[in-house]
Amino acid sequence: MARVVNDLTDAQWDALKAAWGGCAYCTAPAAALQKDCVQAISRGGRYTLGNVVPACGSCNASKCNAEVTGWLRRKKLDERTFLVRHYEISAELTTRFPAEPSTVD
């Protein structure tokens, strides 16, 4: 975990929760949404604006480190709707929160 870039800010997390309006996977309104990496950390993902979505506890635990599209199919969730919304929300929030230039010495 220490080698993984984790640059999701609190403001970005709040914006993600507002944009999704509930669980990104099952759409259930959830009071306690959890940060889920679309591409799991164990598969090379990071806690970044373009890779994190809000998930209810049930979806987050069920998905674990599974590949997202296969998991959505197995759960009989709407894969296309998720992928389109993920793209649209990511594009909008990336514009709102431009990446900071990296400072490598």
PDB file of N, CA and C in Angstrom:
ATOM      1  N   MET A   1       0.820  -1.183   0.000  1.00  0.00           N
ATOM      2  CA  MET A   1       0.000   0.000   0.000  1.00  0.00           C
ATOM      3  C   MET A   1       0.869   1.253   0.000  1.00  0.00           C
ATOM      4  N   ALA A   2       2.021   1.209   0.633  1.00  0.00           N
ATOM      5  CA  ALA A   2       2.885   2.387   0.700  1.00  0.00           C
ATOM      6  C   ALA A   2       3.427   2.769  -0.669  1.00  0.00           C
ATOM      7  N   ARG A   3       3.523   1.806  -1.600  1.00  0.00           N
ATOM      8  CA  ARG A   3       4.051   2.099  -2.938  1.00  0.00           C
ATOM      9  C   ARG A   3       2.974   2.608  -3.887  1.00  0.00           C
ATOM     10  N   VAL A   4       1.711   2.634  -3.461  1.00  0.00           N
ATOM     11  CA  VAL A   4       0.597   3.014  -4.318  1.00  0.00           C
ATOM     12  C   VAL A   4       0.332   4.510  -4.197  1.00  0.00           C
ATOM     13  N   VAL A   5       0.135   5.176  -5.340  1.00  0.00           N
ATOM     14  CA  VAL A   5      -0.215   6.599  -5.331  1.00  0.00           C
ATOM     15  C   VAL A   5      -1.677   6.725  -4.916  1.00  0.00           C
ATOM     16  N   ASN A   6      -1.910   7.464  -3.867  1.00  0.00           N
ATOM     17  CA  ASN A   6      -3.252   7.687  -3.344  1.00  0.00           C
ATOM     18  C   ASN A   6      -3.457   9.186  -3.219  1.00  0.00           C
ATOM     19  N   ASP A   7      -4.025   9.798  -4.270  1.00  0.00           N
ATOM     20  CA  ASP A   7      -4.121  11.247  -4.249  1.00  0.00           C
ATOM     21  C   ASP A   7      -5.550  11.783  -4.293  1.00  0.00           C
ATOM     22  N   LEU A   8      -6.523  10.989  -3.896  1.00  0.00           N
ATOM     23  CA  LEU A   8      -7.906  11.438  -3.859  1.00  0.00           C
ATOM     24  C   LEU A   8      -8.095  12.379  -2.667  1.00  0.00           C
ATOM     25  N   THR A   9      -8.525  13.604  -2.943  1.00  0.00           N
ATOM     26  CA  THR A   9      -8.728  14.574  -1.869  1.00  0.00           C
ATOM     27  C   THR A   9     -10.129  14.439  -1.276  1.00  0.00           C
ATOM     28  N   ASP A  10     -10.336  15.029  -0.120  1.00  0.00           N
ATOM     29  CA  ASP A  10     -11.667  15.018   0.502  1.00  0.00           C
ATOM     30  C   ASP A  10     -12.682  15.725  -0.390  1.00  0.00           C
ATOM     31  N   ALA A  11     -12.284  16.824  -1.027  1.00  0.00           N
ATOM     32  CA  ALA A  11     -13.193  17.564  -1.918  1.00  0.00           C
ATOM     33  C   ALA A  11     -13.577  16.701  -3.123  1.00  0.00           C
ATOM     34  N   GLN A  12     -12.639  15.951  -3.661  1.00  0.00           N
ATOM     35  CA  GLN A  12     -12.932  15.060  -4.782  1.00  0.00           C
ATOM     36  C   GLN A  12     -13.872  13.939  -4.348  1.00  0.00           C
ATOM     37  N   TRP A  13     -13.645  13.381  -3.175  1.00  0.00           N
ATOM     38  CA  TRP A  13     -14.513  12.313  -2.659  1.00  0.00           C
ATOM     39  C   TRP A  13     -15.932  12.841  -2.468  1.00  0.00           C
ATOM     40  N   ASP A  14     -16.064  14.029  -1.900  1.00  0.00           N
ATOM     41  CA  ASP A  14     -17.394  14.621  -1.725  1.00  0.00           C
ATOM     42  C   ASP A  14     -18.074  14.835  -3.075  1.00  0.00           C
ATOM     43  N   ALA A  15     -17.322  15.298  -4.073  1.00  0.00           N
ATOM     44  CA  ALA A  15     -17.878  15.512  -5.408  1.00  0.00           C
ATOM     45  C   ALA A  15     -18.297  14.187  -6.052  1.00  0.00           C
ATOM     46  N   LEU A  16     -17.510  13.141  -5.863  1.00  0.00           N
ATOM     47  CA  LEU A  16     -17.868  11.819  -6.393  1.00  0.00           C
ATOM     48  C   LEU A  16     -19.172  11.322  -5.768  1.00  0.00           C
ATOM     49  N   LYS A  17     -19.302  11.438  -4.460  1.00  0.00           N
ATOM     50  CA  LYS A  17     -20.531  10.985  -3.795  1.00  0.00           C
ATOM     51  C   LYS A  17     -21.740  11.767  -4.294  1.00  0.00           C
ATOM     52  N   ALA A  18     -21.588  13.079  -4.454  1.00  0.00           N
ATOM     53  CA  ALA A  18     -22.699  13.910  -4.935  1.00  0.00           C
ATOM     54  C   ALA A  18     -23.063  13.555  -6.374  1.00  0.00           C
ATOM     55  N   ALA A  19     -22.061  13.349  -7.219  1.00  0.00           N
ATOM     56  CA  ALA A  19     -22.317  13.053  -8.634  1.00  0.00           C
ATOM     57  C   ALA A  19     -23.019  11.712  -8.813  1.00  0.00           C
ATOM     58  N   TRP A  20     -22.600  10.714  -8.071  1.00  0.00           N
ATOM     59  CA  TRP A  20     -23.208   9.386  -8.192  1.00  0.00           C
ATOM     60  C   TRP A  20     -24.559   9.328  -7.488  1.00  0.00           C
ATOM     61  N   GLY A  21     -24.725  10.044  -6.400  1.00  0.00           N
ATOM     62  CA  GLY A  21     -25.999  10.060  -5.689  1.00  0.00           C
ATOM     63  C   GLY A  21     -26.365   8.757  -5.012  1.00  0.00           C
ATOM     64  N   GLY A  22     -25.406   7.915  -4.736  1.00  0.00           N
ATOM     65  CA  GLY A  22     -25.632   6.620  -4.100  1.00  0.00           C
ATOM     66  C   GLY A  22     -24.551   5.656  -4.559  1.00  0.00           C
ATOM     67  N   CYS A  23     -24.814   4.396  -4.406  1.00  0.00           N
ATOM     68  CA  CYS A  23     -23.838   3.378  -4.805  1.00  0.00           C
ATOM     69  C   CYS A  23     -23.673   3.397  -6.327  1.00  0.00           C
ATOM     70  N   ALA A  24     -22.444   3.476  -6.781  1.00  0.00           N
ATOM     71  CA  ALA A  24     -22.163   3.511  -8.220  1.00  0.00           C
ATOM     72  C   ALA A  24     -22.558   2.215  -8.913  1.00  0.00           C
ATOM     73  N   TYR A  25     -22.631   1.144  -8.189  1.00  0.00           N
ATOM     74  CA  TYR A  25     -22.904  -0.152  -8.787  1.00  0.00           C
ATOM     75  C   TYR A  25     -24.394  -0.513  -8.775  1.00  0.00           C
ATOM     76  N   CYS A  26     -25.015  -0.489  -7.611  1.00  0.00           N
ATOM     77  CA  CYS A  26     -26.420  -0.909  -7.506  1.00  0.00           C
ATOM     78  C   CYS A  26     -27.385   0.265  -7.415  1.00  0.00           C
ATOM     79  N   THR A  27     -26.866   1.473  -7.337  1.00  0.00           N
ATOM     80  CA  THR A  27     -27.611   2.747  -7.253  1.00  0.00           C
ATOM     81  C   THR A  27     -28.382   2.938  -5.946  1.00  0.00           C
ATOM     82  N   ALA A  28     -28.215   2.046  -5.002  1.00  0.00           N
ATOM     83  CA  ALA A  28     -28.917   2.188  -3.732  1.00  0.00           C
ATOM     84  C   ALA A  28     -28.421   3.437  -3.005  1.00  0.00           C
ATOM     85  N   PRO A  29     -29.347   4.227  -2.473  1.00  0.00           N
ATOM     86  CA  PRO A  29     -28.899   5.357  -1.657  1.00  0.00           C
ATOM     87  C   PRO A  29     -28.296   4.793  -0.374  1.00  0.00           C
ATOM     88  N   ALA A  30     -27.144   5.245  -0.037  1.00  0.00           N
ATOM     89  CA  ALA A  30     -26.478   4.711   1.155  1.00  0.00           C
ATOM     90  C   ALA A  30     -25.964   5.865   1.986  1.00  0.00           C
ATOM     91  N   ALA A  31     -26.217   5.798   3.264  1.00  0.00           N
ATOM     92  CA  ALA A  31     -25.751   6.845   4.168  1.00  0.00           C
ATOM     93  C   ALA A  31     -24.245   6.753   4.365  1.00  0.00           C
ATOM     94  N   ALA A  32     -23.725   5.553   4.378  1.00  0.00           N
ATOM     95  CA  ALA A  32     -22.291   5.346   4.629  1.00  0.00           C
ATOM     96  C   ALA A  32     -21.647   4.710   3.406  1.00  0.00           C
ATOM     97  N   LEU A  33     -21.368   5.530   2.397  1.00  0.00           N
ATOM     98  CA  LEU A  33     -20.708   5.015   1.197  1.00  0.00           C
ATOM     99  C   LEU A  33     -19.220   4.823   1.450  1.00  0.00           C
ATOM    100  N   GLN A  34     -18.669   3.810   0.813  1.00  0.00           N
ATOM    101  CA  GLN A  34     -17.255   3.486   0.959  1.00  0.00           C
ATOM    102  C   GLN A  34     -16.531   3.758  -0.348  1.00  0.00           C
ATOM    103  N   LYS A  35     -15.247   4.052  -0.265  1.00  0.00           N
ATOM    104  CA  LYS A  35     -14.425   4.259  -1.457  1.00  0.00           C
ATOM    105  C   LYS A  35     -14.074   2.898  -2.039  1.00  0.00           C
ATOM    106  N   ASP A  36     -14.442   2.694  -3.298  1.00  0.00           N
ATOM    107  CA  ASP A  36     -14.075   1.456  -3.977  1.00  0.00           C
ATOM    108  C   ASP A  36     -13.269   1.793  -5.215  1.00  0.00           C
ATOM    109  N   CYS A  37     -12.178   1.102  -5.412  1.00  0.00           N
ATOM    110  CA  CYS A  37     -11.357   1.270  -6.610  1.00  0.00           C
ATOM    111  C   CYS A  37     -11.960   0.423  -7.725  1.00  0.00           C
ATOM    112  N   VAL A  38     -12.329   1.064  -8.837  1.00  0.00           N
ATOM    113  CA  VAL A  38     -12.872   0.342  -9.982  1.00  0.00           C
ATOM    114  C   VAL A  38     -11.862  -0.712 -10.420  1.00  0.00           C
ATOM    115  N   GLN A  39     -10.619  -0.299 -10.598  1.00  0.00           N
ATOM    116  CA  GLN A  39      -9.536  -1.259 -10.824  1.00  0.00           C
ATOM    117  C   GLN A  39      -8.871  -1.456  -9.467  1.00  0.00           C
ATOM    118  N   ALA A  40      -9.011  -2.634  -8.917  1.00  0.00           N
ATOM    119  CA  ALA A  40      -8.515  -2.924  -7.567  1.00  0.00           C
ATOM    120  C   ALA A  40      -7.026  -2.627  -7.437  1.00  0.00           C
ATOM    121  N   ILE A  41      -6.625  -2.239  -6.251  1.00  0.00           N
ATOM    122  CA  ILE A  41      -5.208  -1.966  -5.981  1.00  0.00           C
ATOM    123  C   ILE A  41      -4.366  -3.197  -6.294  1.00  0.00           C
ATOM    124  N   SER A  42      -4.888  -4.364  -5.986  1.00  0.00           N
ATOM    125  CA  SER A  42      -4.143  -5.598  -6.265  1.00  0.00           C
ATOM    126  C   SER A  42      -3.972  -5.834  -7.763  1.00  0.00           C
ATOM    127  N   ARG A  43      -4.727  -5.107  -8.580  1.00  0.00           N
ATOM    128  CA  ARG A  43      -4.637  -5.229 -10.036  1.00  0.00           C
ATOM    129  C   ARG A  43      -4.009  -3.979 -10.659  1.00  0.00           C
ATOM    130  N   GLY A  44      -3.354  -3.161  -9.833  1.00  0.00           N
ATOM    131  CA  GLY A  44      -2.659  -1.983 -10.342  1.00  0.00           C
ATOM    132  C   GLY A  44      -3.421  -0.685 -10.199  1.00  0.00           C
ATOM    133  N   GLY A  45      -4.584  -0.708  -9.570  1.00  0.00           N
ATOM    134  CA  GLY A  45      -5.381   0.503  -9.381  1.00  0.00           C
ATOM    135  C   GLY A  45      -4.831   1.383  -8.275  1.00  0.00           C
ATOM    136  N   ARG A  46      -5.383   2.598  -8.190  1.00  0.00           N
ATOM    137  CA  ARG A  46      -4.956   3.553  -7.167  1.00  0.00           C
ATOM    138  C   ARG A  46      -6.174   4.311  -6.657  1.00  0.00           C
ATOM    139  N   TYR A  47      -6.026   4.930  -5.505  1.00  0.00           N
ATOM    140  CA  TYR A  47      -7.073   5.796  -4.979  1.00  0.00           C
ATOM    141  C   TYR A  47      -6.920   7.162  -5.642  1.00  0.00           C
ATOM    142  N   THR A  48      -7.503   7.286  -6.843  1.00  0.00           N
ATOM    143  CA  THR A  48      -7.447   8.529  -7.596  1.00  0.00           C
ATOM    144  C   THR A  48      -8.842   8.892  -8.076  1.00  0.00           C
ATOM    145  N   LEU A  49      -9.004  10.129  -8.505  1.00  0.00           N
ATOM    146  CA  LEU A  49     -10.303  10.628  -8.945  1.00  0.00           C
ATOM    147  C   LEU A  49     -10.917   9.755 -10.031  1.00  0.00           C
ATOM    148  N   GLY A  50     -10.142   9.299 -10.971  1.00  0.00           N
ATOM    149  CA  GLY A  50     -10.677   8.509 -12.070  1.00  0.00           C
ATOM    150  C   GLY A  50     -10.881   7.038 -11.770  1.00  0.00           C
ATOM    151  N   ASN A  51     -10.445   6.583 -10.595  1.00  0.00           N
ATOM    152  CA  ASN A  51     -10.530   5.156 -10.286  1.00  0.00           C
ATOM    153  C   ASN A  51     -11.402   4.835  -9.081  1.00  0.00           C
ATOM    154  N   VAL A  52     -11.834   5.830  -8.349  1.00  0.00           N
ATOM    155  CA  VAL A  52     -12.633   5.583  -7.144  1.00  0.00           C
ATOM    156  C   VAL A  52     -14.097   5.918  -7.413  1.00  0.00           C
ATOM    157  N   VAL A  53     -14.975   5.065  -6.927  1.00  0.00           N
ATOM    158  CA  VAL A  53     -16.414   5.319  -6.968  1.00  0.00           C
ATOM    159  C   VAL A  53     -16.995   5.034  -5.585  1.00  0.00           C
ATOM    160  N   PRO A  54     -18.121   5.680  -5.259  1.00  0.00           N
ATOM    161  CA  PRO A  54     -18.776   5.354  -3.996  1.00  0.00           C
ATOM    162  C   PRO A  54     -19.534   4.035  -4.116  1.00  0.00           C
ATOM    163  N   ALA A  55     -19.408   3.207  -3.106  1.00  0.00           N
ATOM    164  CA  ALA A  55     -20.077   1.902  -3.118  1.00  0.00           C
ATOM    165  C   ALA A  55     -20.713   1.644  -1.761  1.00  0.00           C
ATOM    166  N   CYS A  56     -21.862   0.989  -1.798  1.00  0.00           N
ATOM    167  CA  CYS A  56     -22.470   0.560  -0.536  1.00  0.00           C
ATOM    168  C   CYS A  56     -21.596  -0.562   0.021  1.00  0.00           C
ATOM    169  N   GLY A  57     -21.740  -0.834   1.290  1.00  0.00           N
ATOM    170  CA  GLY A  57     -20.928  -1.866   1.923  1.00  0.00           C
ATOM    171  C   GLY A  57     -21.097  -3.227   1.285  1.00  0.00           C
ATOM    172  N   SER A  58     -22.309  -3.550   0.868  1.00  0.00           N
ATOM    173  CA  SER A  58     -22.575  -4.854   0.263  1.00  0.00           C
ATOM    174  C   SER A  58     -21.851  -5.010  -1.074  1.00  0.00           C
ATOM    175  N   CYS A  59     -21.946  -3.995  -1.944  1.00  0.00           N
ATOM    176  CA  CYS A  59     -21.262  -4.071  -3.245  1.00  0.00           C
ATOM    177  C   CYS A  59     -19.749  -4.061  -3.074  1.00  0.00           C
ATOM    178  N   ASN A  60     -19.256  -3.219  -2.178  1.00  0.00           N
ATOM    179  CA  ASN A  60     -17.811  -3.129  -1.971  1.00  0.00           C
ATOM    180  C   ASN A  60     -17.252  -4.473  -1.489  1.00  0.00           C
ATOM    181  N   ALA A  61     -17.936  -5.087  -0.544  1.00  0.00           N
ATOM    182  CA  ALA A  61     -17.473  -6.374  -0.020  1.00  0.00           C
ATOM    183  C   ALA A  61     -17.592  -7.475  -1.079  1.00  0.00           C
ATOM    184  N   SER A  62     -18.664  -7.449  -1.854  1.00  0.00           N
ATOM    185  CA  SER A  62     -18.879  -8.467  -2.874  1.00  0.00           C
ATOM    186  C   SER A  62     -17.860  -8.355  -4.004  1.00  0.00           C
ATOM    187  N   LYS A  63     -17.579  -7.122  -4.443  1.00  0.00           N
ATOM    188  CA  LYS A  63     -16.646  -6.921  -5.556  1.00  0.00           C
ATOM    189  C   LYS A  63     -15.232  -7.260  -5.134  1.00  0.00           C
ATOM    190  N   CYS A  64     -14.861  -6.889  -3.925  1.00  0.00           N
ATOM    191  CA  CYS A  64     -13.525  -7.156  -3.410  1.00  0.00           C
ATOM    192  C   CYS A  64     -12.481  -6.706  -4.416  1.00  0.00           C
ATOM    193  N   ASN A  65     -11.676  -7.609  -4.961  1.00  0.00           N
ATOM    194  CA  ASN A  65     -10.658  -7.210  -5.940  1.00  0.00           C
ATOM    195  C   ASN A  65     -10.978  -7.772  -7.333  1.00  0.00           C
ATOM    196  N   ALA A  66     -12.254  -8.081  -7.566  1.00  0.00           N
ATOM    197  CA  ALA A  66     -12.663  -8.628  -8.858  1.00  0.00           C
ATOM    198  C   ALA A  66     -12.564  -7.568  -9.960  1.00  0.00           C
ATOM    199  N   GLU A  67     -12.415  -8.029 -11.190  1.00  0.00           N
ATOM    200  CA  GLU A  67     -12.463  -7.142 -12.351  1.00  0.00           C
ATOM    201  C   GLU A  67     -13.902  -6.648 -12.473  1.00  0.00           C
ATOM    202  N   VAL A  68     -14.093  -5.337 -12.638  1.00  0.00           N
ATOM    203  CA  VAL A  68     -15.395  -4.714 -12.491  1.00  0.00           C
ATOM    204  C   VAL A  68     -16.438  -5.210 -13.489  1.00  0.00           C
ATOM    205  N   THR A  69     -16.104  -5.335 -14.763  1.00  0.00           N
ATOM    206  CA  THR A  69     -17.142  -5.717 -15.722  1.00  0.00           C
ATOM    207  C   THR A  69     -17.603  -7.165 -15.524  1.00  0.00           C
ATOM    208  N   GLY A  70     -16.685  -8.054 -15.241  1.00  0.00           N
ATOM    209  CA  GLY A  70     -17.065  -9.433 -14.954  1.00  0.00           C
ATOM    210  C   GLY A  70     -17.917  -9.531 -13.710  1.00  0.00           C
ATOM    211  N   TRP A  71     -17.556  -8.760 -12.685  1.00  0.00           N
ATOM    212  CA  TRP A  71     -18.323  -8.761 -11.442  1.00  0.00           C
ATOM    213  C   TRP A  71     -19.730  -8.221 -11.686  1.00  0.00           C
ATOM    214  N   LEU A  72     -19.844  -7.118 -12.440  1.00  0.00           N
ATOM    215  CA  LEU A  72     -21.169  -6.556 -12.740  1.00  0.00           C
ATOM    216  C   LEU A  72     -22.046  -7.574 -13.461  1.00  0.00           C
ATOM    217  N   ARG A  73     -21.458  -8.303 -14.403  1.00  0.00           N
ATOM    218  CA  ARG A  73     -22.217  -9.329 -15.130  1.00  0.00           C
ATOM    219  C   ARG A  73     -22.675 -10.439 -14.195  1.00  0.00           C
ATOM    220  N   ARG A  74     -21.760 -10.913 -13.349  1.00  0.00           N
ATOM    221  CA  ARG A  74     -22.125 -11.992 -12.415  1.00  0.00           C
ATOM    222  C   ARG A  74     -23.247 -11.563 -11.472  1.00  0.00           C
ATOM    223  N   LYS A  75     -23.227 -10.295 -11.064  1.00  0.00           N
ATOM    224  CA  LYS A  75     -24.252  -9.780 -10.146  1.00  0.00           C
ATOM    225  C   LYS A  75     -25.527  -9.358 -10.868  1.00  0.00           C
ATOM    226  N   LYS A  76     -25.502  -9.437 -12.224  1.00  0.00           N
ATOM    227  CA  LYS A  76     -26.641  -9.025 -13.046  1.00  0.00           C
ATOM    228  C   LYS A  76     -26.975  -7.540 -12.846  1.00  0.00           C
ATOM    229  N   LEU A  77     -25.911  -6.739 -12.712  1.00  0.00           N
ATOM    230  CA  LEU A  77     -26.060  -5.290 -12.625  1.00  0.00           C
ATOM    231  C   LEU A  77     -25.831  -4.705 -14.013  1.00  0.00           C
ATOM    232  N   ASP A  78     -26.305  -3.505 -14.249  1.00  0.00           N
ATOM    233  CA  ASP A  78     -26.258  -2.884 -15.575  1.00  0.00           C
ATOM    234  C   ASP A  78     -24.857  -2.362 -15.896  1.00  0.00           C
ATOM    235  N   GLU A  79     -24.080  -3.210 -16.565  1.00  0.00           N
ATOM    236  CA  GLU A  79     -22.690  -2.889 -16.894  1.00  0.00           C
ATOM    237  C   GLU A  79     -22.593  -1.636 -17.760  1.00  0.00           C
ATOM    238  N   ARG A  80     -23.404  -1.556 -18.811  1.00  0.00           N
ATOM    239  CA  ARG A  80     -23.335  -0.421 -19.733  1.00  0.00           C
ATOM    240  C   ARG A  80     -23.635   0.889 -19.012  1.00  0.00           C
ATOM    241  N   THR A  81     -24.686   0.917 -18.226  1.00  0.00           N
ATOM    242  CA  THR A  81     -25.040   2.137 -17.499  1.00  0.00           C
ATOM    243  C   THR A  81     -23.911   2.559 -16.572  1.00  0.00           C
ATOM    244  N   PHE A  82     -23.324   1.602 -15.851  1.00  0.00           N
ATOM    245  CA  PHE A  82     -22.212   1.938 -14.968  1.00  0.00           C
ATOM    246  C   PHE A  82     -21.058   2.533 -15.759  1.00  0.00           C
ATOM    247  N   LEU A  83     -20.653   1.882 -16.857  1.00  0.00           N
ATOM    248  CA  LEU A  83     -19.499   2.344 -17.625  1.00  0.00           C
ATOM    249  C   LEU A  83     -19.720   3.726 -18.233  1.00  0.00           C
ATOM    250  N   VAL A  84     -20.916   3.982 -18.738  1.00  0.00           N
ATOM    251  CA  VAL A  84     -21.217   5.304 -19.308  1.00  0.00           C
ATOM    252  C   VAL A  84     -21.201   6.368 -18.222  1.00  0.00           C
ATOM    253  N   ARG A  85     -21.866   6.092 -17.101  1.00  0.00           N
ATOM    254  CA  ARG A  85     -21.881   7.075 -16.001  1.00  0.00           C
ATOM    255  C   ARG A  85     -20.485   7.303 -15.452  1.00  0.00           C
ATOM    256  N   HIS A  86     -19.698   6.226 -15.315  1.00  0.00           N
ATOM    257  CA  HIS A  86     -18.335   6.366 -14.808  1.00  0.00           C
ATOM    258  C   HIS A  86     -17.525   7.277 -15.725  1.00  0.00           C
ATOM    259  N   TYR A  87     -17.645   7.079 -17.022  1.00  0.00           N
ATOM    260  CA  TYR A  87     -16.939   7.924 -17.985  1.00  0.00           C
ATOM    261  C   TYR A  87     -17.393   9.382 -17.863  1.00  0.00           C
ATOM    262  N   GLU A  88     -18.709   9.601 -17.858  1.00  0.00           N
ATOM    263  CA  GLU A  88     -19.242  10.964 -17.818  1.00  0.00           C
ATOM    264  C   GLU A  88     -18.852  11.683 -16.524  1.00  0.00           C
ATOM    265  N   ILE A  89     -19.004  11.009 -15.407  1.00  0.00           N
ATOM    266  CA  ILE A  89     -18.671  11.621 -14.118  1.00  0.00           C
ATOM    267  C   ILE A  89     -17.172  11.869 -14.025  1.00  0.00           C
ATOM    268  N   SER A  90     -16.370  10.912 -14.452  1.00  0.00           N
ATOM    269  CA  SER A  90     -14.909  11.090 -14.420  1.00  0.00           C
ATOM    270  C   SER A  90     -14.482  12.269 -15.283  1.00  0.00           C
ATOM    271  N   ALA A  91     -15.062  12.383 -16.483  1.00  0.00           N
ATOM    272  CA  ALA A  91     -14.713  13.488 -17.384  1.00  0.00           C
ATOM    273  C   ALA A  91     -15.085  14.827 -16.767  1.00  0.00           C
ATOM    274  N   GLU A  92     -16.274  14.915 -16.188  1.00  0.00           N
ATOM    275  CA  GLU A  92     -16.723  16.171 -15.588  1.00  0.00           C
ATOM    276  C   GLU A  92     -15.863  16.546 -14.386  1.00  0.00           C
ATOM    277  N   LEU A  93     -15.576  15.590 -13.529  1.00  0.00           N
ATOM    278  CA  LEU A  93     -14.803  15.905 -12.322  1.00  0.00           C
ATOM    279  C   LEU A  93     -13.330  16.137 -12.630  1.00  0.00           C
ATOM    280  N   THR A  94     -12.806  15.493 -13.661  1.00  0.00           N
ATOM    281  CA  THR A  94     -11.420  15.743 -14.056  1.00  0.00           C
ATOM    282  C   THR A  94     -11.263  17.184 -14.545  1.00  0.00           C
ATOM    283  N   THR A  95     -12.296  17.696 -15.197  1.00  0.00           N
ATOM    284  CA  THR A  95     -12.286  19.095 -15.625  1.00  0.00           C
ATOM    285  C   THR A  95     -12.370  20.025 -14.415  1.00  0.00           C
ATOM    286  N   ARG A  96     -13.198  19.651 -13.455  1.00  0.00           N
ATOM    287  CA  ARG A  96     -13.361  20.479 -12.251  1.00  0.00           C
ATOM    288  C   ARG A  96     -12.128  20.432 -11.350  1.00  0.00           C
ATOM    289  N   PHE A  97     -11.461  19.295 -11.314  1.00  0.00           N
ATOM    290  CA  PHE A  97     -10.281  19.115 -10.463  1.00  0.00           C
ATOM    291  C   PHE A  97      -9.081  18.743 -11.333  1.00  0.00           C
ATOM    292  N   PRO A  98      -8.482  19.712 -12.024  1.00  0.00           N
ATOM    293  CA  PRO A  98      -7.338  19.371 -12.879  1.00  0.00           C
ATOM    294  C   PRO A  98      -6.184  18.794 -12.061  1.00  0.00           C
ATOM    295  N   ALA A  99      -5.470  17.883 -12.695  1.00  0.00           N
ATOM    296  CA  ALA A  99      -4.323  17.234 -12.033  1.00  0.00           C
ATOM    297  C   ALA A  99      -3.233  18.261 -11.748  1.00  0.00           C
ATOM    298  N   GLU A 100      -2.648  18.125 -10.597  1.00  0.00           N
ATOM    299  CA  GLU A 100      -1.534  18.986 -10.246  1.00  0.00           C
ATOM    300  C   GLU A 100      -0.281  18.456 -10.912  1.00  0.00           C
ATOM    301  N   PRO A 101       0.585  19.356 -11.409  1.00  0.00           N
ATOM    302  CA  PRO A 101       1.826  18.861 -12.005  1.00  0.00           C
ATOM    303  C   PRO A 101       2.667  18.134 -10.961  1.00  0.00           C
ATOM    304  N   SER A 102       3.227  17.007 -11.363  1.00  0.00           N
ATOM    305  CA  SER A 102       4.055  16.252 -10.410  1.00  0.00           C
ATOM    306  C   SER A 102       5.408  16.929 -10.263  1.00  0.00           C
ATOM    307  N   THR A 103       5.918  16.827  -9.065  1.00  0.00           N
ATOM    308  CA  THR A 103       7.223  17.425  -8.779  1.00  0.00           C
ATOM    309  C   THR A 103       8.188  16.305  -8.411  1.00  0.00           C
ATOM    310  N   VAL A 104       8.888  15.822  -9.424  1.00  0.00           N
ATOM    311  CA  VAL A 104       9.847  14.742  -9.204  1.00  0.00           C
ATOM    312  C   VAL A 104      11.234  15.367  -9.178  1.00  0.00           C
ATOM    313  N   ASP A 105      11.988  15.095  -8.123  1.00  0.00           N
ATOM    314  CA  ASP A 105      13.346  15.637  -7.995  1.00  0.00           C
ATOM    315  C   ASP A 105      14.356  14.677  -8.529  1.00  0.00           C
TER     316      ASP A 105
END
